[in-house]
Amino acid sequence: MSKKTIIFYFSQSGNSLYVAKKLSATMGNTTLISIPEAIYNNQYKYYNYERIGFILPLYFMSMPNMVEEFISKLEIPKDSYIFSIVTRAITKGRIFHDIETMLNKKGAEINYGEYITFPDSYIKWSGAPKEKTLLKVFQQTESHIYSIANRILNEDTYKEKEGFILKLGSLVVYNIWKSRLKSISKSFKVNNFCIGCGICEETCPTRNIKLENGKPIWLSRCEDCMACVQHCPKKAIYFNSRTIYKKRYINPNIKLDELLYRTRKINDYS
């Protein structure tokens, strides 16, 4: 029987969940854990796994804020084989360095780390690509994921390089982004196309959105994941004027139900 593997993922557009599911199907004997759900359930102890993976999107050259919170509290075996696959559009950053730094404090380290390219899901910068482009990208990622899965099964040692200058510049970018997270909620808008369906509320990983009189309002714990904008079925939510007319992107291989958080009450996450 193959070794027991657990994969922790953070995914709002579906890209990272797609990678996690593909790796799980290829590797076998794998458990998938949503990082926001683990935080909500206060689950940080995972000692019975021989391989541990983190599948994450690149956020401003490093990791989502919730992921940093989760890894800092995580308890895992020191001798596990640890891998991280990071979904990104174009740039690299310092994410493997930052994950490694937190793991080192626990006596562990990353054995394998690699970036994988997907369409940009950060709608403030880019709208969804054309269908023909999407098809080409997913053909490439399919073979890339399969290759990564075999390297992990072989427990290869490899970590994609993040040079000193890149890591230094990335630190500045990341810290500026984090400093603005508390105020970012003020920039979300909703127009009259809103039907009060609550999908924005259910796709928000931090429960930062609640409905009042059938319309969403944003609190002060935004992750800047843009799930509320991307998943709105009427394109009623936008981030200032930058995103009104941009085409929304959701990974076509992932169902909306897989990205909802129905088990939580509005004020349960803090």
C-alpha atoms as a PDB file:
ATOM      1  CA  MET A   1       0.000   0.000   0.000  1.00  0.00           C
ATOM      2  CA  SER A   2       1.236   3.509  -0.829  1.00  0.00           C
ATOM      3  CA  LYS A   3       2.304   5.822   1.958  1.00  0.00           C
ATOM      4  CA  LYS A   4      -0.341   7.894   3.695  1.00  0.00           C
ATOM      5  CA  THR A   5      -0.403  11.406   2.268  1.00  0.00           C
ATOM      6  CA  ILE A   6      -2.277  14.510   3.345  1.00  0.00           C
ATOM      7  CA  ILE A   7      -2.636  17.599   1.170  1.00  0.00           C
ATOM      8  CA  PHE A   8      -3.622  20.954   2.621  1.00  0.00           C
ATOM      9  CA  TYR A   9      -5.006  23.347   0.033  1.00  0.00           C
ATOM     10  CA  PHE A  10      -6.268  26.896  -0.261  1.00  0.00           C
ATOM     11  CA  SER A  11      -8.346  27.492  -3.373  1.00  0.00           C
ATOM     12  CA  GLN A  12     -10.897  30.141  -4.288  1.00  0.00           C
ATOM     13  CA  SER A  13     -10.786  30.033  -8.098  1.00  0.00           C
ATOM     14  CA  GLY A  14     -10.408  26.243  -8.112  1.00  0.00           C
ATOM     15  CA  ASN A  15      -6.865  26.097  -9.539  1.00  0.00           C
ATOM     16  CA  SER A  16      -5.155  24.798  -6.411  1.00  0.00           C
ATOM     17  CA  LEU A  17      -7.991  22.378  -5.644  1.00  0.00           C
ATOM     18  CA  TYR A  18      -7.712  21.064  -9.207  1.00  0.00           C
ATOM     19  CA  VAL A  19      -4.008  20.324  -8.649  1.00  0.00           C
ATOM     20  CA  ALA A  20      -4.722  18.729  -5.261  1.00  0.00           C
ATOM     21  CA  LYS A  21      -7.401  16.453  -6.716  1.00  0.00           C
ATOM     22  CA  LYS A  22      -5.229  15.448  -9.664  1.00  0.00           C
ATOM     23  CA  LEU A  23      -2.276  14.643  -7.401  1.00  0.00           C
ATOM     24  CA  SER A  24      -4.539  12.677  -5.073  1.00  0.00           C
ATOM     25  CA  ALA A  25      -5.963  10.620  -7.934  1.00  0.00           C
ATOM     26  CA  THR A  26      -2.498   9.781  -9.260  1.00  0.00           C
ATOM     27  CA  MET A  27      -0.781   9.126  -5.932  1.00  0.00           C
ATOM     28  CA  GLY A  28      -3.560   7.296  -4.095  1.00  0.00           C
ATOM     29  CA  ASN A  29      -4.067   6.966  -0.306  1.00  0.00           C
ATOM     30  CA  THR A  30      -4.359  10.748  -0.017  1.00  0.00           C
ATOM     31  CA  THR A  31      -6.534  12.940   2.195  1.00  0.00           C
ATOM     32  CA  LEU A  32      -7.458  16.476   1.091  1.00  0.00           C
ATOM     33  CA  ILE A  33      -7.958  19.188   3.709  1.00  0.00           C
ATOM     34  CA  SER A  34      -9.233  22.714   3.050  1.00  0.00           C
ATOM     35  CA  ILE A  35      -7.085  25.134   5.062  1.00  0.00           C
ATOM     36  CA  PRO A  36      -9.964  27.545   5.864  1.00  0.00           C
ATOM     37  CA  GLU A  37     -12.075  24.628   7.111  1.00  0.00           C
ATOM     38  CA  ALA A  38      -9.184  23.316   9.220  1.00  0.00           C
ATOM     39  CA  ILE A  39      -8.809  26.753  10.827  1.00  0.00           C
ATOM     40  CA  TYR A  40     -12.545  26.981  11.465  1.00  0.00           C
ATOM     41  CA  ASN A  41     -12.560  23.535  13.089  1.00  0.00           C
ATOM     42  CA  ASN A  42      -9.397  24.319  15.064  1.00  0.00           C
ATOM     43  CA  GLN A  43      -7.635  21.283  13.568  1.00  0.00           C
ATOM     44  CA  TYR A  44      -3.862  21.667  13.537  1.00  0.00           C
ATOM     45  CA  LYS A  45      -2.541  18.240  14.604  1.00  0.00           C
ATOM     46  CA  TYR A  46      -1.756  15.761  11.807  1.00  0.00           C
ATOM     47  CA  TYR A  47       0.762  13.184  12.986  1.00  0.00           C
ATOM     48  CA  ASN A  48      -0.307  10.052  11.126  1.00  0.00           C
ATOM     49  CA  TYR A  49       0.950  10.962   7.647  1.00  0.00           C
ATOM     50  CA  GLU A  50       4.221  10.080   5.956  1.00  0.00           C
ATOM     51  CA  ARG A  51       3.876  12.653   3.175  1.00  0.00           C
ATOM     52  CA  ILE A  52       2.525  16.167   3.681  1.00  0.00           C
ATOM     53  CA  GLY A  53       1.679  18.597   0.908  1.00  0.00           C
ATOM     54  CA  PHE A  54       0.682  22.243   0.595  1.00  0.00           C
ATOM     55  CA  ILE A  55      -1.098  23.275  -2.611  1.00  0.00           C
ATOM     56  CA  LEU A  56      -1.459  27.035  -2.670  1.00  0.00           C
ATOM     57  CA  PRO A  57      -1.834  30.071  -4.919  1.00  0.00           C
ATOM     58  CA  LEU A  58       0.888  32.714  -5.012  1.00  0.00           C
ATOM     59  CA  TYR A  59      -0.415  35.862  -3.326  1.00  0.00           C
ATOM     60  CA  PHE A  60       1.733  38.935  -3.841  1.00  0.00           C
ATOM     61  CA  MET A  61       4.935  36.888  -4.012  1.00  0.00           C
ATOM     62  CA  SER A  62       4.116  34.686  -1.009  1.00  0.00           C
ATOM     63  CA  MET A  63       1.105  32.968   0.584  1.00  0.00           C
ATOM     64  CA  PRO A  64      -2.446  33.887   1.590  1.00  0.00           C
ATOM     65  CA  ASN A  65      -2.707  35.274   5.104  1.00  0.00           C
ATOM     66  CA  MET A  66      -4.795  32.304   6.297  1.00  0.00           C
ATOM     67  CA  VAL A  67      -2.172  29.863   5.056  1.00  0.00           C
ATOM     68  CA  GLU A  68       0.515  31.603   7.086  1.00  0.00           C
ATOM     69  CA  GLU A  69      -1.724  31.413  10.151  1.00  0.00           C
ATOM     70  CA  PHE A  70      -2.408  27.724   9.557  1.00  0.00           C
ATOM     71  CA  ILE A  71       1.196  26.609   8.993  1.00  0.00           C
ATOM     72  CA  SER A  72       2.399  28.574  12.023  1.00  0.00           C
ATOM     73  CA  LYS A  73       0.087  26.470  14.237  1.00  0.00           C
ATOM     74  CA  LEU A  74       0.431  23.172  12.367  1.00  0.00           C
ATOM     75  CA  GLU A  75       1.749  20.088  14.193  1.00  0.00           C
ATOM     76  CA  ILE A  76       3.244  17.373  11.956  1.00  0.00           C
ATOM     77  CA  PRO A  77       5.938  14.671  12.172  1.00  0.00           C
ATOM     78  CA  LYS A  78       9.423  16.149  11.777  1.00  0.00           C
ATOM     79  CA  ASP A  79      10.570  13.353   9.494  1.00  0.00           C
ATOM     80  CA  SER A  80       7.674  13.587   6.991  1.00  0.00           C
ATOM     81  CA  TYR A  81       8.353  14.049   3.296  1.00  0.00           C
ATOM     82  CA  ILE A  82       6.991  17.566   2.677  1.00  0.00           C
ATOM     83  CA  PHE A  83       6.110  19.050  -0.682  1.00  0.00           C
ATOM     84  CA  SER A  84       4.503  22.272  -1.878  1.00  0.00           C
ATOM     85  CA  ILE A  85       3.051  23.037  -5.295  1.00  0.00           C
ATOM     86  CA  VAL A  86       2.240  26.691  -5.938  1.00  0.00           C
ATOM     87  CA  THR A  87      -0.168  27.848  -8.622  1.00  0.00           C
ATOM     88  CA  ARG A  88       0.804  31.115 -10.290  1.00  0.00           C
ATOM     89  CA  ALA A  89       0.153  33.085 -13.480  1.00  0.00           C
ATOM     90  CA  ILE A  90       3.555  34.551 -14.390  1.00  0.00           C
ATOM     91  CA  THR A  91       5.739  35.672 -11.501  1.00  0.00           C
ATOM     92  CA  LYS A  92       7.600  33.750  -8.832  1.00  0.00           C
ATOM     93  CA  GLY A  93       8.195  34.958  -5.293  1.00  0.00           C
ATOM     94  CA  ARG A  94       9.484  33.849  -1.898  1.00  0.00           C
ATOM     95  CA  ILE A  95       6.756  31.421  -0.908  1.00  0.00           C
ATOM     96  CA  PHE A  96       8.958  28.322  -0.606  1.00  0.00           C
ATOM     97  CA  HIS A  97      11.422  30.302   1.484  1.00  0.00           C
ATOM     98  CA  ASP A  98       8.612  31.523   3.763  1.00  0.00           C
ATOM     99  CA  ILE A  99       7.055  28.076   4.178  1.00  0.00           C
ATOM    100  CA  GLU A 100      10.485  26.601   4.864  1.00  0.00           C
ATOM    101  CA  THR A 101      11.186  29.232   7.519  1.00  0.00           C
ATOM    102  CA  MET A 102       8.019  28.307   9.417  1.00  0.00           C
ATOM    103  CA  LEU A 103       8.649  24.576   9.040  1.00  0.00           C
ATOM    104  CA  ASN A 104      12.240  24.913  10.258  1.00  0.00           C
ATOM    105  CA  LYS A 105      10.902  26.200  13.575  1.00  0.00           C
ATOM    106  CA  LYS A 106       9.133  22.836  13.893  1.00  0.00           C
ATOM    107  CA  GLY A 107      12.240  20.867  12.954  1.00  0.00           C
ATOM    108  CA  ALA A 108      10.904  20.085   9.455  1.00  0.00           C
ATOM    109  CA  GLU A 109      11.759  21.214   5.915  1.00  0.00           C
ATOM    110  CA  ILE A 110      10.409  21.245   2.365  1.00  0.00           C
ATOM    111  CA  ASN A 111      11.735  18.334   0.334  1.00  0.00           C
ATOM    112  CA  TYR A 112      10.028  19.307  -2.900  1.00  0.00           C
ATOM    113  CA  GLY A 113       8.715  22.667  -4.135  1.00  0.00           C
ATOM    114  CA  GLU A 114       7.570  23.654  -7.614  1.00  0.00           C
ATOM    115  CA  TYR A 115       5.472  26.303  -9.349  1.00  0.00           C
ATOM    116  CA  ILE A 116       2.786  25.400 -11.864  1.00  0.00           C
ATOM    117  CA  THR A 117       1.246  27.877 -14.304  1.00  0.00           C
ATOM    118  CA  PHE A 118      -2.495  28.559 -14.560  1.00  0.00           C
ATOM    119  CA  PRO A 119      -4.656  31.386 -15.920  1.00  0.00           C
ATOM    120  CA  ASP A 120      -4.489  34.460 -13.704  1.00  0.00           C
ATOM    121  CA  SER A 121      -7.381  34.349 -11.224  1.00  0.00           C
ATOM    122  CA  TYR A 122      -6.709  37.786  -9.701  1.00  0.00           C
ATOM    123  CA  ILE A 123      -9.378  39.749 -11.533  1.00  0.00           C
ATOM    124  CA  LYS A 124      -8.039  43.136 -10.448  1.00  0.00           C
ATOM    125  CA  TRP A 125      -5.195  42.489 -12.862  1.00  0.00           C
ATOM    126  CA  SER A 126      -6.613  40.215 -15.503  1.00  0.00           C
ATOM    127  CA  GLY A 127      -9.874  38.819 -16.818  1.00  0.00           C
ATOM    128  CA  ALA A 128     -10.370  35.201 -17.861  1.00  0.00           C
ATOM    129  CA  PRO A 129      -8.583  34.165 -21.085  1.00  0.00           C
ATOM    130  CA  LYS A 130     -10.326  32.903 -24.209  1.00  0.00           C
ATOM    131  CA  GLU A 131     -11.558  29.315 -24.334  1.00  0.00           C
ATOM    132  CA  LYS A 132      -8.857  28.281 -26.816  1.00  0.00           C
ATOM    133  CA  THR A 133      -6.159  29.601 -24.479  1.00  0.00           C
ATOM    134  CA  LEU A 134      -7.738  27.821 -21.512  1.00  0.00           C
ATOM    135  CA  LEU A 135      -7.733  24.515 -23.369  1.00  0.00           C
ATOM    136  CA  LYS A 136      -4.046  24.850 -24.187  1.00  0.00           C
ATOM    137  CA  VAL A 137      -3.139  25.776 -20.610  1.00  0.00           C
ATOM    138  CA  PHE A 138      -4.973  22.789 -19.146  1.00  0.00           C
ATOM    139  CA  GLN A 139      -3.375  20.404 -21.620  1.00  0.00           C
ATOM    140  CA  GLN A 140       0.003  21.597 -20.372  1.00  0.00           C
ATOM    141  CA  THR A 141      -0.916  21.495 -16.691  1.00  0.00           C
ATOM    142  CA  GLU A 142      -2.310  17.964 -17.007  1.00  0.00           C
ATOM    143  CA  SER A 143       1.056  16.536 -18.023  1.00  0.00           C
ATOM    144  CA  HIS A 144       2.907  18.781 -15.557  1.00  0.00           C
ATOM    145  CA  ILE A 145       0.812  17.564 -12.617  1.00  0.00           C
ATOM    146  CA  TYR A 146       1.313  13.943 -13.629  1.00  0.00           C
ATOM    147  CA  SER A 147       5.087  14.499 -13.742  1.00  0.00           C
ATOM    148  CA  ILE A 148       5.047  16.177 -10.322  1.00  0.00           C
ATOM    149  CA  ALA A 149       3.006  13.323  -8.827  1.00  0.00           C
ATOM    150  CA  ASN A 150       5.592  10.764  -9.936  1.00  0.00           C
ATOM    151  CA  ARG A 151       8.439  12.823  -8.504  1.00  0.00           C
ATOM    152  CA  ILE A 152       6.626  13.054  -5.185  1.00  0.00           C
ATOM    153  CA  LEU A 153       5.919   9.314  -5.185  1.00  0.00           C
ATOM    154  CA  ASN A 154       9.647   8.769  -5.734  1.00  0.00           C
ATOM    155  CA  GLU A 155      10.272  11.292  -2.927  1.00  0.00           C
ATOM    156  CA  ASP A 156      12.630  13.307  -5.095  1.00  0.00           C
ATOM    157  CA  THR A 157      14.396  16.275  -3.538  1.00  0.00           C
ATOM    158  CA  TYR A 158      13.950  19.498  -5.482  1.00  0.00           C
ATOM    159  CA  LYS A 159      13.013  23.088  -4.730  1.00  0.00           C
ATOM    160  CA  GLU A 160      12.536  25.671  -7.452  1.00  0.00           C
ATOM    161  CA  LYS A 161      15.014  28.519  -7.053  1.00  0.00           C
ATOM    162  CA  GLU A 162      13.960  31.846  -5.588  1.00  0.00           C
ATOM    163  CA  GLY A 163      16.999  34.096  -5.865  1.00  0.00           C
ATOM    164  CA  PHE A 164      18.162  36.571  -3.215  1.00  0.00           C
ATOM    165  CA  ILE A 165      17.082  39.679  -5.137  1.00  0.00           C
ATOM    166  CA  LEU A 166      13.673  38.174  -5.908  1.00  0.00           C
ATOM    167  CA  LYS A 167      13.156  37.183  -2.277  1.00  0.00           C
ATOM    168  CA  LEU A 168      14.167  40.641  -1.040  1.00  0.00           C
ATOM    169  CA  GLY A 169      11.882  42.462  -3.469  1.00  0.00           C
ATOM    170  CA  SER A 170       9.085  40.010  -2.770  1.00  0.00           C
ATOM    171  CA  LEU A 171       9.289  40.717   0.958  1.00  0.00           C
ATOM    172  CA  VAL A 172       8.622  44.414   0.351  1.00  0.00           C
ATOM    173  CA  VAL A 173       5.681  43.677  -1.964  1.00  0.00           C
ATOM    174  CA  TYR A 174       4.201  41.105   0.419  1.00  0.00           C
ATOM    175  CA  ASN A 175       4.445  43.319   3.504  1.00  0.00           C
ATOM    176  CA  ILE A 176       2.806  46.255   1.715  1.00  0.00           C
ATOM    177  CA  TRP A 177      -0.033  43.978   0.586  1.00  0.00           C
ATOM    178  CA  LYS A 178      -0.583  42.602   4.101  1.00  0.00           C
ATOM    179  CA  SER A 179      -0.645  46.103   5.575  1.00  0.00           C
ATOM    180  CA  ARG A 180      -3.559  47.005   3.286  1.00  0.00           C
ATOM    181  CA  LEU A 181      -5.727  43.937   3.916  1.00  0.00           C
ATOM    182  CA  LYS A 182      -7.829  45.478   6.692  1.00  0.00           C
ATOM    183  CA  SER A 183      -8.940  48.374   4.524  1.00  0.00           C
ATOM    184  CA  ILE A 184      -9.427  46.500   1.249  1.00  0.00           C
ATOM    185  CA  SER A 185     -13.057  45.610   1.990  1.00  0.00           C
ATOM    186  CA  LYS A 186     -14.061  49.247   1.498  1.00  0.00           C
ATOM    187  CA  SER A 187     -13.428  48.979  -2.246  1.00  0.00           C
ATOM    188  CA  PHE A 188     -15.990  46.254  -3.000  1.00  0.00           C
ATOM    189  CA  LYS A 189     -19.216  47.374  -4.655  1.00  0.00           C
ATOM    190  CA  VAL A 190     -22.476  45.677  -5.598  1.00  0.00           C
ATOM    191  CA  ASN A 191     -24.929  46.872  -8.246  1.00  0.00           C
ATOM    192  CA  ASN A 192     -28.636  46.338  -8.865  1.00  0.00           C
ATOM    193  CA  PHE A 193     -28.070  43.025 -10.662  1.00  0.00           C
ATOM    194  CA  CYS A 194     -27.573  41.363  -7.248  1.00  0.00           C
ATOM    195  CA  ILE A 195     -30.245  38.708  -6.570  1.00  0.00           C
ATOM    196  CA  GLY A 196     -29.274  38.011  -2.960  1.00  0.00           C
ATOM    197  CA  CYS A 197     -28.277  34.397  -3.696  1.00  0.00           C
ATOM    198  CA  GLY A 198     -25.580  34.381  -0.980  1.00  0.00           C
ATOM    199  CA  ILE A 199     -22.890  32.693  -3.100  1.00  0.00           C
ATOM    200  CA  CYS A 200     -20.455  35.486  -2.220  1.00  0.00           C
ATOM    201  CA  GLU A 201     -21.108  34.790   1.469  1.00  0.00           C
ATOM    202  CA  GLU A 202     -20.565  31.050   1.070  1.00  0.00           C
ATOM    203  CA  THR A 203     -17.352  31.260  -1.005  1.00  0.00           C
ATOM    204  CA  CYS A 204     -15.609  33.705   1.331  1.00  0.00           C
ATOM    205  CA  PRO A 205     -12.932  31.748   3.269  1.00  0.00           C
ATOM    206  CA  THR A 206     -12.914  34.141   6.247  1.00  0.00           C
ATOM    207  CA  ARG A 207     -16.671  34.770   6.475  1.00  0.00           C
ATOM    208  CA  ASN A 208     -15.974  38.400   5.671  1.00  0.00           C
ATOM    209  CA  ILE A 209     -19.306  38.838   3.882  1.00  0.00           C
ATOM    210  CA  LYS A 210     -22.819  38.828   5.273  1.00  0.00           C
ATOM    211  CA  LEU A 211     -26.141  39.655   3.687  1.00  0.00           C
ATOM    212  CA  GLU A 212     -28.200  42.557   4.981  1.00  0.00           C
ATOM    213  CA  ASN A 213     -31.592  43.086   3.365  1.00  0.00           C
ATOM    214  CA  GLY A 214     -30.535  40.665   0.648  1.00  0.00           C
ATOM    215  CA  LYS A 215     -27.347  42.560  -0.257  1.00  0.00           C
ATOM    216  CA  PRO A 216     -23.740  41.706   0.692  1.00  0.00           C
ATOM    217  CA  ILE A 217     -21.688  43.879   2.993  1.00  0.00           C
ATOM    218  CA  TRP A 218     -17.969  43.376   3.644  1.00  0.00           C
ATOM    219  CA  LEU A 219     -16.367  43.313   7.087  1.00  0.00           C
ATOM    220  CA  SER A 220     -12.671  43.842   7.873  1.00  0.00           C
ATOM    221  CA  ARG A 221     -10.999  40.444   7.452  1.00  0.00           C
ATOM    222  CA  CYS A 222     -10.670  40.175   3.662  1.00  0.00           C
ATOM    223  CA  GLU A 223      -8.095  37.765   2.181  1.00  0.00           C
ATOM    224  CA  ASP A 224      -8.110  39.607  -1.180  1.00  0.00           C
ATOM    225  CA  CYS A 225      -8.924  36.297  -2.883  1.00  0.00           C
ATOM    226  CA  MET A 226     -11.598  37.857  -5.129  1.00  0.00           C
ATOM    227  CA  ALA A 227     -13.858  34.791  -4.765  1.00  0.00           C
ATOM    228  CA  CYS A 228     -16.893  37.027  -4.230  1.00  0.00           C
ATOM    229  CA  VAL A 229     -16.224  38.818  -7.518  1.00  0.00           C
ATOM    230  CA  GLN A 230     -15.369  35.705  -9.538  1.00  0.00           C
ATOM    231  CA  HIS A 231     -18.266  33.537  -8.372  1.00  0.00           C
ATOM    232  CA  CYS A 232     -21.126  36.055  -8.486  1.00  0.00           C
ATOM    233  CA  PRO A 233     -23.543  34.566 -11.066  1.00  0.00           C
ATOM    234  CA  LYS A 234     -24.832  38.012 -12.115  1.00  0.00           C
ATOM    235  CA  LYS A 235     -21.467  39.832 -12.119  1.00  0.00           C
ATOM    236  CA  ALA A 236     -23.070  42.176  -9.621  1.00  0.00           C
ATOM    237  CA  ILE A 237     -19.961  42.427  -7.427  1.00  0.00           C
ATOM    238  CA  TYR A 238     -16.935  44.365  -8.557  1.00  0.00           C
ATOM    239  CA  PHE A 239     -13.794  45.894  -7.100  1.00  0.00           C
ATOM    240  CA  ASN A 240     -14.039  49.593  -7.913  1.00  0.00           C
ATOM    241  CA  SER A 241     -14.387  50.219 -11.635  1.00  0.00           C
ATOM    242  CA  ARG A 242     -11.423  47.977 -12.533  1.00  0.00           C
ATOM    243  CA  THR A 243     -13.361  44.732 -12.649  1.00  0.00           C
ATOM    244  CA  ILE A 244     -16.863  45.666 -13.843  1.00  0.00           C
ATOM    245  CA  TYR A 245     -16.431  44.505 -17.433  1.00  0.00           C
ATOM    246  CA  LYS A 246     -13.747  41.870 -17.004  1.00  0.00           C
ATOM    247  CA  LYS A 247     -14.579  38.258 -17.736  1.00  0.00           C
ATOM    248  CA  ARG A 248     -14.733  36.182 -14.551  1.00  0.00           C
ATOM    249  CA  TYR A 249     -12.515  33.124 -14.127  1.00  0.00           C
ATOM    250  CA  ILE A 250     -13.325  29.883 -12.331  1.00  0.00           C
ATOM    251  CA  ASN A 251     -11.411  26.679 -13.007  1.00  0.00           C
ATOM    252  CA  PRO A 252     -13.750  24.812 -15.410  1.00  0.00           C
ATOM    253  CA  ASN A 253     -12.861  21.440 -13.858  1.00  0.00           C
ATOM    254  CA  ILE A 254     -14.077  22.392 -10.371  1.00  0.00           C
ATOM    255  CA  LYS A 255     -17.718  22.645  -9.338  1.00  0.00           C
ATOM    256  CA  LEU A 256     -18.952  25.604  -7.331  1.00  0.00           C
ATOM    257  CA  ASP A 257     -20.136  23.271  -4.542  1.00  0.00           C
ATOM    258  CA  GLU A 258     -16.529  22.243  -3.932  1.00  0.00           C
ATOM    259  CA  LEU A 259     -15.617  25.838  -3.054  1.00  0.00           C
ATOM    260  CA  LEU A 260     -18.501  26.672  -0.709  1.00  0.00           C
ATOM    261  CA  TYR A 261     -18.333  26.928   3.076  1.00  0.00           C
ATOM    262  CA  ARG A 262     -21.866  26.012   4.106  1.00  0.00           C
ATOM    263  CA  THR A 263     -20.995  24.616   7.537  1.00  0.00           C
ATOM    264  CA  ARG A 264     -20.066  27.931   9.125  1.00  0.00           C
ATOM    265  CA  LYS A 265     -22.160  30.677  10.624  1.00  0.00           C
ATOM    266  CA  ILE A 266     -21.347  34.243   9.693  1.00  0.00           C
ATOM    267  CA  ASN A 267     -19.457  35.237  12.836  1.00  0.00           C
ATOM    268  CA  ASP A 268     -17.827  31.888  13.608  1.00  0.00           C
ATOM    269  CA  TYR A 269     -14.412  32.722  12.149  1.00  0.00           C
ATOM    270  CA  SER A 270     -12.260  35.231  13.939  1.00  0.00           C
END
